[in-house]
Amino acid sequence: NEKPDVALIDEGLAKAHPVLGSIDTIAREGLVLGGDARSLADWHLAPMMAYFTMAARGKAALSEYAALSRWCENTKDHAILRQTWPDFSTLPKA
């Protein structure tokens, strides 16, 4: 039941944009992400992006990066992620 540190969140989101931009460039150029075959890079990035976009502000930040957003959308429902995703319904309600 702790209140979020908004300043810390703001700082983190500001630092996230250069990273999102770099990953978006990689996805746009098809260097690793975005192909039909998934790589180890995809499987490392997917859970981080899933957690990042669970927060409304993370999801809003991602919307600024079209290629990365497309990659996230195409990856989020893959069977491997569905099979390994934790059951968040068991977490206590705030």
PDB file of N, CA and C in Angstrom:
ATOM      1  N   ASN A   1       0.810  -1.206   0.000  1.00  0.00           N
ATOM      2  CA  ASN A   1       0.000   0.000   0.000  1.00  0.00           C
ATOM      3  C   ASN A   1       0.853   1.270   0.000  1.00  0.00           C
ATOM      4  N   GLU A   2       2.062   1.159  -0.510  1.00  0.00           N
ATOM      5  CA  GLU A   2       2.929   2.324  -0.575  1.00  0.00           C
ATOM      6  C   GLU A   2       2.523   3.218  -1.741  1.00  0.00           C
ATOM      7  N   LYS A   3       2.726   4.503  -1.564  1.00  0.00           N
ATOM      8  CA  LYS A   3       2.461   5.454  -2.644  1.00  0.00           C
ATOM      9  C   LYS A   3       3.666   5.465  -3.577  1.00  0.00           C
ATOM     10  N   PRO A   4       3.407   5.537  -4.885  1.00  0.00           N
ATOM     11  CA  PRO A   4       4.527   5.546  -5.829  1.00  0.00           C
ATOM     12  C   PRO A   4       5.322   6.845  -5.739  1.00  0.00           C
ATOM     13  N   ASP A   5       6.602   6.740  -5.980  1.00  0.00           N
ATOM     14  CA  ASP A   5       7.484   7.905  -6.028  1.00  0.00           C
ATOM     15  C   ASP A   5       7.432   8.438  -7.455  1.00  0.00           C
ATOM     16  N   VAL A   6       6.585   9.416  -7.692  1.00  0.00           N
ATOM     17  CA  VAL A   6       6.335   9.936  -9.036  1.00  0.00           C
ATOM     18  C   VAL A   6       7.608  10.508  -9.652  1.00  0.00           C
ATOM     19  N   ALA A   7       8.428  11.172  -8.864  1.00  0.00           N
ATOM     20  CA  ALA A   7       9.677  11.734  -9.385  1.00  0.00           C
ATOM     21  C   ALA A   7      10.596  10.620  -9.883  1.00  0.00           C
ATOM     22  N   LEU A   8      10.652   9.528  -9.148  1.00  0.00           N
ATOM     23  CA  LEU A   8      11.488   8.397  -9.552  1.00  0.00           C
ATOM     24  C   LEU A   8      10.947   7.749 -10.823  1.00  0.00           C
ATOM     25  N   ILE A   9       9.646   7.647 -10.919  1.00  0.00           N
ATOM     26  CA  ILE A   9       9.015   7.097 -12.118  1.00  0.00           C
ATOM     27  C   ILE A   9       9.301   8.004 -13.316  1.00  0.00           C
ATOM     28  N   ASP A  10       9.150   9.307 -13.130  1.00  0.00           N
ATOM     29  CA  ASP A  10       9.440  10.265 -14.207  1.00  0.00           C
ATOM     30  C   ASP A  10      10.882  10.126 -14.690  1.00  0.00           C
ATOM     31  N   GLU A  11      11.801  10.000 -13.733  1.00  0.00           N
ATOM     32  CA  GLU A  11      13.212   9.864 -14.076  1.00  0.00           C
ATOM     33  C   GLU A  11      13.455   8.566 -14.871  1.00  0.00           C
ATOM     34  N   GLY A  12      12.844   7.497 -14.439  1.00  0.00           N
ATOM     35  CA  GLY A  12      12.998   6.223 -15.134  1.00  0.00           C
ATOM     36  C   GLY A  12      12.443   6.254 -16.541  1.00  0.00           C
ATOM     37  N   LEU A  13      11.276   6.875 -16.703  1.00  0.00           N
ATOM     38  CA  LEU A  13      10.689   6.978 -18.037  1.00  0.00           C
ATOM     39  C   LEU A  13      11.532   7.847 -18.954  1.00  0.00           C
ATOM     40  N   ALA A  14      12.099   8.922 -18.422  1.00  0.00           N
ATOM     41  CA  ALA A  14      12.974   9.771 -19.225  1.00  0.00           C
ATOM     42  C   ALA A  14      14.183   8.981 -19.713  1.00  0.00           C
ATOM     43  N   LYS A  15      14.711   8.123 -18.850  1.00  0.00           N
ATOM     44  CA  LYS A  15      15.864   7.303 -19.224  1.00  0.00           C
ATOM     45  C   LYS A  15      15.471   6.165 -20.162  1.00  0.00           C
ATOM     46  N   ALA A  16      14.210   5.788 -20.164  1.00  0.00           N
ATOM     47  CA  ALA A  16      13.753   4.682 -21.009  1.00  0.00           C
ATOM     48  C   ALA A  16      13.660   5.084 -22.476  1.00  0.00           C
ATOM     49  N   HIS A  17      13.383   6.342 -22.760  1.00  0.00           N
ATOM     50  CA  HIS A  17      13.161   6.750 -24.152  1.00  0.00           C
ATOM     51  C   HIS A  17      14.360   6.496 -25.071  1.00  0.00           C
ATOM     52  N   PRO A  18      15.593   6.808 -24.680  1.00  0.00           N
ATOM     53  CA  PRO A  18      16.712   6.474 -25.580  1.00  0.00           C
ATOM     54  C   PRO A  18      16.831   4.964 -25.835  1.00  0.00           C
ATOM     55  N   VAL A  19      16.527   4.164 -24.814  1.00  0.00           N
ATOM     56  CA  VAL A  19      16.587   2.711 -24.967  1.00  0.00           C
ATOM     57  C   VAL A  19      15.482   2.244 -25.907  1.00  0.00           C
ATOM     58  N   LEU A  20      14.268   2.739 -25.683  1.00  0.00           N
ATOM     59  CA  LEU A  20      13.158   2.372 -26.564  1.00  0.00           C
ATOM     60  C   LEU A  20      13.452   2.780 -27.999  1.00  0.00           C
ATOM     61  N   GLY A  21      14.034   3.958 -28.168  1.00  0.00           N
ATOM     62  CA  GLY A  21      14.379   4.429 -29.506  1.00  0.00           C
ATOM     63  C   GLY A  21      15.397   3.527 -30.190  1.00  0.00           C
ATOM     64  N   SER A  22      16.395   3.090 -29.450  1.00  0.00           N
ATOM     65  CA  SER A  22      17.413   2.193 -30.012  1.00  0.00           C
ATOM     66  C   SER A  22      16.813   0.843 -30.395  1.00  0.00           C
ATOM     67  N   ILE A  23      15.975   0.305 -29.524  1.00  0.00           N
ATOM     68  CA  ILE A  23      15.344  -0.986 -29.825  1.00  0.00           C
ATOM     69  C   ILE A  23      14.379  -0.835 -30.994  1.00  0.00           C
ATOM     70  N   ASP A  24      13.699   0.300 -31.077  1.00  0.00           N
ATOM     71  CA  ASP A  24      12.798   0.566 -32.198  1.00  0.00           C
ATOM     72  C   ASP A  24      13.579   0.575 -33.516  1.00  0.00           C
ATOM     73  N   THR A  25      14.758   1.171 -33.511  1.00  0.00           N
ATOM     74  CA  THR A  25      15.597   1.186 -34.710  1.00  0.00           C
ATOM     75  C   THR A  25      15.984  -0.231 -35.113  1.00  0.00           C
ATOM     76  N   ILE A  26      16.358  -1.041 -34.132  1.00  0.00           N
ATOM     77  CA  ILE A  26      16.713  -2.437 -34.409  1.00  0.00           C
ATOM     78  C   ILE A  26      15.512  -3.172 -34.997  1.00  0.00           C
ATOM     79  N   ALA A  27      14.339  -2.981 -34.411  1.00  0.00           N
ATOM     80  CA  ALA A  27      13.128  -3.646 -34.902  1.00  0.00           C
ATOM     81  C   ALA A  27      12.775  -3.139 -36.302  1.00  0.00           C
ATOM     82  N   ARG A  28      12.895  -1.852 -36.527  1.00  0.00           N
ATOM     83  CA  ARG A  28      12.553  -1.255 -37.827  1.00  0.00           C
ATOM     84  C   ARG A  28      13.477  -1.781 -38.923  1.00  0.00           C
ATOM     85  N   GLU A  29      14.760  -1.922 -38.617  1.00  0.00           N
ATOM     86  CA  GLU A  29      15.729  -2.371 -39.614  1.00  0.00           C
ATOM     87  C   GLU A  29      15.790  -3.886 -39.724  1.00  0.00           C
ATOM     88  N   GLY A  30      15.057  -4.576 -38.853  1.00  0.00           N
ATOM     89  CA  GLY A  30      15.002  -6.029 -38.913  1.00  0.00           C
ATOM     90  C   GLY A  30      16.326  -6.706 -38.602  1.00  0.00           C
ATOM     91  N   LEU A  31      17.186  -6.027 -37.843  1.00  0.00           N
ATOM     92  CA  LEU A  31      18.504  -6.596 -37.549  1.00  0.00           C
ATOM     93  C   LEU A  31      18.401  -7.814 -36.650  1.00  0.00           C
ATOM     94  N   VAL A  32      17.510  -7.799 -35.699  1.00  0.00           N
ATOM     95  CA  VAL A  32      17.310  -8.949 -34.815  1.00  0.00           C
ATOM     96  C   VAL A  32      15.826  -9.191 -34.648  1.00  0.00           C
ATOM     97  N   LEU A  33      15.122  -8.170 -34.205  1.00  0.00           N
ATOM     98  CA  LEU A  33      13.708  -8.314 -33.890  1.00  0.00           C
ATOM     99  C   LEU A  33      12.856  -8.168 -35.144  1.00  0.00           C
ATOM    100  N   GLY A  34      11.705  -8.774 -35.132  1.00  0.00           N
ATOM    101  CA  GLY A  34      10.736  -8.523 -36.177  1.00  0.00           C
ATOM    102  C   GLY A  34      10.664  -9.562 -37.271  1.00  0.00           C
ATOM    103  N   GLY A  35      11.593 -10.480 -37.305  1.00  0.00           N
ATOM    104  CA  GLY A  35      11.527 -11.519 -38.320  1.00  0.00           C
ATOM    105  C   GLY A  35      10.517 -12.588 -37.951  1.00  0.00           C
ATOM    106  N   ASP A  36      10.286 -13.502 -38.868  1.00  0.00           N
ATOM    107  CA  ASP A  36       9.341 -14.588 -38.597  1.00  0.00           C
ATOM    108  C   ASP A  36       9.882 -15.546 -37.540  1.00  0.00           C
ATOM    109  N   ALA A  37      11.190 -15.789 -37.574  1.00  0.00           N
ATOM    110  CA  ALA A  37      11.799 -16.677 -36.591  1.00  0.00           C
ATOM    111  C   ALA A  37      12.203 -15.862 -35.366  1.00  0.00           C
ATOM    112  N   ARG A  38      11.880 -16.338 -34.198  1.00  0.00           N
ATOM    113  CA  ARG A  38      12.238 -15.648 -32.959  1.00  0.00           C
ATOM    114  C   ARG A  38      13.650 -16.046 -32.551  1.00  0.00           C
ATOM    115  N   SER A  39      14.365 -15.095 -32.003  1.00  0.00           N
ATOM    116  CA  SER A  39      15.734 -15.337 -31.564  1.00  0.00           C
ATOM    117  C   SER A  39      15.798 -15.258 -30.041  1.00  0.00           C
ATOM    118  N   LEU A  40      16.955 -15.545 -29.497  1.00  0.00           N
ATOM    119  CA  LEU A  40      17.166 -15.407 -28.068  1.00  0.00           C
ATOM    120  C   LEU A  40      16.924 -13.963 -27.631  1.00  0.00           C
ATOM    121  N   ALA A  41      17.280 -13.015 -28.479  1.00  0.00           N
ATOM    122  CA  ALA A  41      17.042 -11.601 -28.163  1.00  0.00           C
ATOM    123  C   ALA A  41      15.554 -11.322 -27.968  1.00  0.00           C
ATOM    124  N   ASP A  42      14.720 -11.904 -28.825  1.00  0.00           N
ATOM    125  CA  ASP A  42      13.271 -11.728 -28.685  1.00  0.00           C
ATOM    126  C   ASP A  42      12.789 -12.229 -27.329  1.00  0.00           C
ATOM    127  N   TRP A  43      13.271 -13.417 -26.941  1.00  0.00           N
ATOM    128  CA  TRP A  43      12.781 -14.029 -25.703  1.00  0.00           C
ATOM    129  C   TRP A  43      13.326 -13.349 -24.452  1.00  0.00           C
ATOM    130  N   HIS A  44      14.436 -12.665 -24.568  1.00  0.00           N
ATOM    131  CA  HIS A  44      14.932 -11.871 -23.435  1.00  0.00           C
ATOM    132  C   HIS A  44      14.162 -10.559 -23.317  1.00  0.00           C
ATOM    133  N   LEU A  45      13.865  -9.957 -24.442  1.00  0.00           N
ATOM    134  CA  LEU A  45      13.184  -8.659 -24.450  1.00  0.00           C
ATOM    135  C   LEU A  45      11.694  -8.771 -24.127  1.00  0.00           C
ATOM    136  N   ALA A  46      11.060  -9.827 -24.580  1.00  0.00           N
ATOM    137  CA  ALA A  46       9.598  -9.944 -24.463  1.00  0.00           C
ATOM    138  C   ALA A  46       9.069  -9.767 -23.038  1.00  0.00           C
ATOM    139  N   PRO A  47       9.596 -10.457 -22.027  1.00  0.00           N
ATOM    140  CA  PRO A  47       9.042 -10.264 -20.685  1.00  0.00           C
ATOM    141  C   PRO A  47       9.314  -8.864 -20.134  1.00  0.00           C
ATOM    142  N   MET A  48      10.456  -8.284 -20.494  1.00  0.00           N
ATOM    143  CA  MET A  48      10.732  -6.923 -20.015  1.00  0.00           C
ATOM    144  C   MET A  48       9.725  -5.933 -20.590  1.00  0.00           C
ATOM    145  N   MET A  49       9.422  -6.088 -21.870  1.00  0.00           N
ATOM    146  CA  MET A  49       8.448  -5.194 -22.497  1.00  0.00           C
ATOM    147  C   MET A  49       7.039  -5.452 -21.963  1.00  0.00           C
ATOM    148  N   ALA A  50       6.744  -6.706 -21.676  1.00  0.00           N
ATOM    149  CA  ALA A  50       5.423  -7.027 -21.127  1.00  0.00           C
ATOM    150  C   ALA A  50       5.230  -6.341 -19.779  1.00  0.00           C
ATOM    151  N   TYR A  51       6.234  -6.430 -18.925  1.00  0.00           N
ATOM    152  CA  TYR A  51       6.133  -5.769 -17.616  1.00  0.00           C
ATOM    153  C   TYR A  51       6.101  -4.250 -17.772  1.00  0.00           C
ATOM    154  N   PHE A  52       6.921  -3.717 -18.666  1.00  0.00           N
ATOM    155  CA  PHE A  52       6.977  -2.274 -18.889  1.00  0.00           C
ATOM    156  C   PHE A  52       5.611  -1.739 -19.321  1.00  0.00           C
ATOM    157  N   THR A  53       4.929  -2.476 -20.179  1.00  0.00           N
ATOM    158  CA  THR A  53       3.649  -2.003 -20.710  1.00  0.00           C
ATOM    159  C   THR A  53       2.464  -2.343 -19.816  1.00  0.00           C
ATOM    160  N   MET A  54       2.701  -3.045 -18.714  1.00  0.00           N
ATOM    161  CA  MET A  54       1.617  -3.263 -17.761  1.00  0.00           C
ATOM    162  C   MET A  54       1.248  -1.957 -17.055  1.00  0.00           C
ATOM    163  N   ALA A  55       2.193  -1.044 -16.998  1.00  0.00           N
ATOM    164  CA  ALA A  55       1.935   0.280 -16.423  1.00  0.00           C
ATOM    165  C   ALA A  55       1.435   1.197 -17.539  1.00  0.00           C
ATOM    166  N   ALA A  56       0.417   1.973 -17.237  1.00  0.00           N
ATOM    167  CA  ALA A  56      -0.175   2.858 -18.252  1.00  0.00           C
ATOM    168  C   ALA A  56       0.861   3.794 -18.861  1.00  0.00           C
ATOM    169  N   ARG A  57       1.748   4.321 -18.040  1.00  0.00           N
ATOM    170  CA  ARG A  57       2.749   5.260 -18.562  1.00  0.00           C
ATOM    171  C   ARG A  57       3.788   4.542 -19.419  1.00  0.00           C
ATOM    172  N   GLY A  58       4.082   3.312 -19.116  1.00  0.00           N
ATOM    173  CA  GLY A  58       4.978   2.526 -19.960  1.00  0.00           C
ATOM    174  C   GLY A  58       4.344   2.236 -21.304  1.00  0.00           C
ATOM    175  N   LYS A  59       3.077   1.870 -21.272  1.00  0.00           N
ATOM    176  CA  LYS A  59       2.346   1.607 -22.519  1.00  0.00           C
ATOM    177  C   LYS A  59       2.265   2.871 -23.369  1.00  0.00           C
ATOM    178  N   ALA A  60       2.035   4.009 -22.734  1.00  0.00           N
ATOM    179  CA  ALA A  60       1.986   5.279 -23.465  1.00  0.00           C
ATOM    180  C   ALA A  60       3.345   5.608 -24.065  1.00  0.00           C
ATOM    181  N   ALA A  61       4.419   5.360 -23.317  1.00  0.00           N
ATOM    182  CA  ALA A  61       5.768   5.620 -23.834  1.00  0.00           C
ATOM    183  C   ALA A  61       6.050   4.742 -25.043  1.00  0.00           C
ATOM    184  N   LEU A  62       5.669   3.481 -24.984  1.00  0.00           N
ATOM    185  CA  LEU A  62       5.910   2.562 -26.091  1.00  0.00           C
ATOM    186  C   LEU A  62       5.180   3.013 -27.350  1.00  0.00           C
ATOM    187  N   SER A  63       4.024   3.635 -27.204  1.00  0.00           N
ATOM    188  CA  SER A  63       3.228   4.025 -28.375  1.00  0.00           C
ATOM    189  C   SER A  63       3.961   5.007 -29.290  1.00  0.00           C
ATOM    190  N   GLU A  64       5.029   5.611 -28.798  1.00  0.00           N
ATOM    191  CA  GLU A  64       5.812   6.545 -29.610  1.00  0.00           C
ATOM    192  C   GLU A  64       6.778   5.825 -30.556  1.00  0.00           C
ATOM    193  N   TYR A  65       6.864   4.516 -30.452  1.00  0.00           N
ATOM    194  CA  TYR A  65       7.849   3.741 -31.212  1.00  0.00           C
ATOM    195  C   TYR A  65       7.117   2.671 -32.016  1.00  0.00           C
ATOM    196  N   ALA A  66       6.819   2.988 -33.276  1.00  0.00           N
ATOM    197  CA  ALA A  66       5.945   2.148 -34.101  1.00  0.00           C
ATOM    198  C   ALA A  66       6.483   0.738 -34.316  1.00  0.00           C
ATOM    199  N   ALA A  67       7.743   0.605 -34.677  1.00  0.00           N
ATOM    200  CA  ALA A  67       8.287  -0.728 -34.977  1.00  0.00           C
ATOM    201  C   ALA A  67       8.336  -1.598 -33.725  1.00  0.00           C
ATOM    202  N   LEU A  68       8.763  -1.019 -32.626  1.00  0.00           N
ATOM    203  CA  LEU A  68       8.814  -1.770 -31.372  1.00  0.00           C
ATOM    204  C   LEU A  68       7.405  -2.119 -30.889  1.00  0.00           C
ATOM    205  N   SER A  69       6.479  -1.201 -31.047  1.00  0.00           N
ATOM    206  CA  SER A  69       5.077  -1.475 -30.686  1.00  0.00           C
ATOM    207  C   SER A  69       4.536  -2.640 -31.495  1.00  0.00           C
ATOM    208  N   ARG A  70       4.828  -2.641 -32.788  1.00  0.00           N
ATOM    209  CA  ARG A  70       4.380  -3.724 -33.665  1.00  0.00           C
ATOM    210  C   ARG A  70       4.998  -5.052 -33.226  1.00  0.00           C
ATOM    211  N   TRP A  71       6.296  -5.018 -32.903  1.00  0.00           N
ATOM    212  CA  TRP A  71       6.970  -6.233 -32.438  1.00  0.00           C
ATOM    213  C   TRP A  71       6.309  -6.748 -31.153  1.00  0.00           C
ATOM    214  N   CYS A  72       6.051  -5.835 -30.206  1.00  0.00           N
ATOM    215  CA  CYS A  72       5.408  -6.233 -28.939  1.00  0.00           C
ATOM    216  C   CYS A  72       4.050  -6.856 -29.199  1.00  0.00           C
ATOM    217  N   GLU A  73       3.287  -6.248 -30.067  1.00  0.00           N
ATOM    218  CA  GLU A  73       1.949  -6.754 -30.378  1.00  0.00           C
ATOM    219  C   GLU A  73       2.032  -8.151 -31.002  1.00  0.00           C
ATOM    220  N   ASN A  74       3.000  -8.349 -31.880  1.00  0.00           N
ATOM    221  CA  ASN A  74       3.150  -9.640 -32.555  1.00  0.00           C
ATOM    222  C   ASN A  74       3.742 -10.717 -31.656  1.00  0.00           C
ATOM    223  N   THR A  75       4.404 -10.318 -30.582  1.00  0.00           N
ATOM    224  CA  THR A  75       5.094 -11.264 -29.715  1.00  0.00           C
ATOM    225  C   THR A  75       4.287 -11.631 -28.475  1.00  0.00           C
ATOM    226  N   LYS A  76       3.460 -10.721 -28.005  1.00  0.00           N
ATOM    227  CA  LYS A  76       2.835 -10.892 -26.685  1.00  0.00           C
ATOM    228  C   LYS A  76       1.948 -12.123 -26.549  1.00  0.00           C
ATOM    229  N   ASP A  77       1.369 -12.589 -27.626  1.00  0.00           N
ATOM    230  CA  ASP A  77       0.473 -13.735 -27.529  1.00  0.00           C
ATOM    231  C   ASP A  77       1.115 -15.039 -27.978  1.00  0.00           C
ATOM    232  N   HIS A  78       2.421 -15.038 -28.141  1.00  0.00           N
ATOM    233  CA  HIS A  78       3.109 -16.266 -28.561  1.00  0.00           C
ATOM    234  C   HIS A  78       2.931 -17.332 -27.480  1.00  0.00           C
ATOM    235  N   ALA A  79       2.808 -18.565 -27.911  1.00  0.00           N
ATOM    236  CA  ALA A  79       2.556 -19.680 -26.984  1.00  0.00           C
ATOM    237  C   ALA A  79       3.616 -19.779 -25.893  1.00  0.00           C
ATOM    238  N   ILE A  80       4.871 -19.521 -26.229  1.00  0.00           N
ATOM    239  CA  ILE A  80       5.935 -19.624 -25.222  1.00  0.00           C
ATOM    240  C   ILE A  80       5.694 -18.640 -24.084  1.00  0.00           C
ATOM    241  N   LEU A  81       5.305 -17.421 -24.408  1.00  0.00           N
ATOM    242  CA  LEU A  81       5.055 -16.439 -23.358  1.00  0.00           C
ATOM    243  C   LEU A  81       3.805 -16.794 -22.562  1.00  0.00           C
ATOM    244  N   ARG A  82       2.770 -17.238 -23.238  1.00  0.00           N
ATOM    245  CA  ARG A  82       1.540 -17.624 -22.521  1.00  0.00           C
ATOM    246  C   ARG A  82       1.815 -18.771 -21.552  1.00  0.00           C
ATOM    247  N   GLN A  83       2.681 -19.700 -21.931  1.00  0.00           N
ATOM    248  CA  GLN A  83       2.964 -20.862 -21.089  1.00  0.00           C
ATOM    249  C   GLN A  83       3.808 -20.499 -19.867  1.00  0.00           C
ATOM    250  N   THR A  84       4.564 -19.427 -19.949  1.00  0.00           N
ATOM    251  CA  THR A  84       5.474 -19.086 -18.860  1.00  0.00           C
ATOM    252  C   THR A  84       5.053 -17.857 -18.078  1.00  0.00           C
ATOM    253  N   TRP A  85       3.968 -17.202 -18.478  1.00  0.00           N
ATOM    254  CA  TRP A  85       3.546 -15.967 -17.815  1.00  0.00           C
ATOM    255  C   TRP A  85       2.990 -16.278 -16.437  1.00  0.00           C
ATOM    256  N   PRO A  86       3.421 -15.517 -15.420  1.00  0.00           N
ATOM    257  CA  PRO A  86       2.894 -15.775 -14.075  1.00  0.00           C
ATOM    258  C   PRO A  86       1.415 -15.433 -13.981  1.00  0.00           C
ATOM    259  N   ASP A  87       0.760 -16.051 -13.062  1.00  0.00           N
ATOM    260  CA  ASP A  87      -0.657 -15.809 -12.839  1.00  0.00           C
ATOM    261  C   ASP A  87      -0.822 -14.630 -11.888  1.00  0.00           C
ATOM    262  N   PHE A  88      -1.014 -13.452 -12.446  1.00  0.00           N
ATOM    263  CA  PHE A  88      -1.129 -12.254 -11.639  1.00  0.00           C
ATOM    264  C   PHE A  88      -2.453 -12.157 -10.892  1.00  0.00           C
ATOM    265  N   SER A  89      -3.398 -13.013 -11.241  1.00  0.00           N
ATOM    266  CA  SER A  89      -4.684 -12.960 -10.540  1.00  0.00           C
ATOM    267  C   SER A  89      -4.543 -13.403  -9.086  1.00  0.00           C
ATOM    268  N   THR A  90      -3.418 -14.039  -8.760  1.00  0.00           N
ATOM    269  CA  THR A  90      -3.233 -14.505  -7.380  1.00  0.00           C
ATOM    270  C   THR A  90      -2.593 -13.445  -6.488  1.00  0.00           C
ATOM    271  N   LEU A  91      -2.188 -12.310  -7.070  1.00  0.00           N
ATOM    272  CA  LEU A  91      -1.585 -11.247  -6.263  1.00  0.00           C
ATOM    273  C   LEU A  91      -2.661 -10.574  -5.410  1.00  0.00           C
ATOM    274  N   PRO A  92      -2.293 -10.146  -4.212  1.00  0.00           N
ATOM    275  CA  PRO A  92      -3.268  -9.435  -3.377  1.00  0.00           C
ATOM    276  C   PRO A  92      -3.654  -8.103  -4.033  1.00  0.00           C
ATOM    277  N   LYS A  93      -4.872  -7.727  -3.870  1.00  0.00           N
ATOM    278  CA  LYS A  93      -5.367  -6.455  -4.422  1.00  0.00           C
ATOM    279  C   LYS A  93      -4.888  -5.314  -3.533  1.00  0.00           C
ATOM    280  N   ALA A  94      -4.494  -4.216  -4.180  1.00  0.00           N
ATOM    281  CA  ALA A  94      -4.016  -3.040  -3.428  1.00  0.00           C
ATOM    282  C   ALA A  94      -5.160  -2.309  -2.771  1.00  0.00           C
TER     283      ALA A  94
END
